[in-house]
Structures are given as C-alpha cells and as structure tokens.
Amino acid sequence: MSAGSLRLTAVLDALDRASGPLKKIMASSKCLSSALQEQKAALARLNAAQRDVIAHRQQQQAI
C-alpha cells in the first residue's frame, strides 16, 4: 500500500468516525427547532388569550 493510499484511507476513516456524531447533532438540532416552533405558537396563543381577557375586563369596567 502506498503512502498516498494509506493517507486517503486514514482521512476517510476519520470522516466516517466524525459523520456519526454530526448526524446526531443535526437530528437534535431539528428536534430542538421543532420544539421551539411549538413553544412560540403556544406563547402566541397565550398572548392572544391574555389580550382577550384584558379586553373583557375593560368592557366590564366600562359598564
């Protein structure tokens, strides 16, 4: 085996070992992104409900 071939094999082996953890990081990142989007939507719903409650209270006080 020549030195160039051995070096190429070593580089490819290192890439194979690094790709597993990188795939896990990408999957975790996608999961986190999805969870953040869900939380943002929930917060928007809560803010809308809070605005409705405030508007209702203001109407009750005006009566």
Protein backbone atom coordinates (compact mmCIF):
# COMPACT_ATOMS: atom_id res chain seq x y z
CA MET A 1 0.00 0.00 0.00
CA SER A 2 1.45 3.36 -0.95
CA ALA A 3 1.73 6.29 1.43
CA GLY A 4 -0.90 8.26 -0.51
CA SER A 5 -3.37 5.40 -0.36
CA LEU A 6 -2.73 4.94 3.35
CA ARG A 7 -3.28 8.66 3.95
CA LEU A 8 -6.52 8.59 1.96
CA THR A 9 -7.71 5.61 3.97
CA ALA A 10 -6.89 7.41 7.22
CA VAL A 11 -8.74 10.54 6.10
CA LEU A 12 -11.80 8.57 5.01
CA ASP A 13 -11.79 6.65 8.28
CA ALA A 14 -11.68 9.92 10.23
CA LEU A 15 -14.59 11.28 8.17
CA ASP A 16 -16.61 8.15 8.86
CA ARG A 17 -16.00 8.48 12.60
CA ALA A 18 -16.94 12.18 12.56
CA SER A 19 -20.09 11.77 10.48
CA GLY A 20 -21.95 9.74 13.12
CA PRO A 21 -21.86 12.40 15.84
CA LEU A 22 -22.57 15.11 13.27
CA LYS A 23 -25.70 13.29 12.15
CA LYS A 24 -26.82 13.06 15.79
CA ILE A 25 -26.18 16.78 16.23
CA MET A 26 -28.23 17.58 13.13
CA ALA A 27 -31.12 15.39 14.34
CA SER A 28 -31.04 17.03 17.76
CA SER A 29 -30.96 20.46 16.17
CA LYS A 30 -34.02 19.66 14.07
CA CYS A 31 -35.84 18.35 17.14
CA LEU A 32 -34.95 21.46 19.11
CA SER A 33 -36.06 23.70 16.27
CA SER A 34 -39.40 21.93 16.12
CA ALA A 35 -39.87 22.24 19.88
CA LEU A 36 -39.05 25.94 19.75
CA GLN A 37 -41.59 26.49 16.98
CA GLU A 38 -44.24 24.70 19.06
CA GLN A 39 -43.41 26.83 22.09
CA LYS A 40 -43.56 30.01 20.01
CA ALA A 41 -47.01 29.05 18.73
CA ALA A 42 -48.19 28.24 22.26
CA LEU A 43 -46.90 31.60 23.51
CA ALA A 44 -48.73 33.38 20.70
CA ARG A 45 -51.97 31.61 21.71
CA LEU A 46 -51.44 32.56 25.34
CA ASN A 47 -50.78 36.19 24.42
CA ALA A 48 -53.97 36.26 22.34
CA ALA A 49 -55.94 34.80 25.25
CA GLN A 50 -54.44 37.37 27.59
CA ARG A 51 -55.47 40.18 25.22
CA ASP A 52 -59.00 38.77 25.16
CA VAL A 53 -59.15 38.67 28.96
CA ILE A 54 -57.87 42.25 29.22
CA ALA A 55 -60.41 43.44 26.64
CA HIS A 56 -63.19 41.63 28.52
CA ARG A 57 -62.16 43.21 31.82
CA GLN A 58 -62.07 46.65 30.22
CA GLN A 59 -65.56 46.14 28.82
CA GLN A 60 -66.81 45.01 32.23
CA GLN A 61 -65.32 48.08 33.90
CA ALA A 62 -66.90 50.38 31.28
CA ILE A 63 -70.37 49.07 32.10
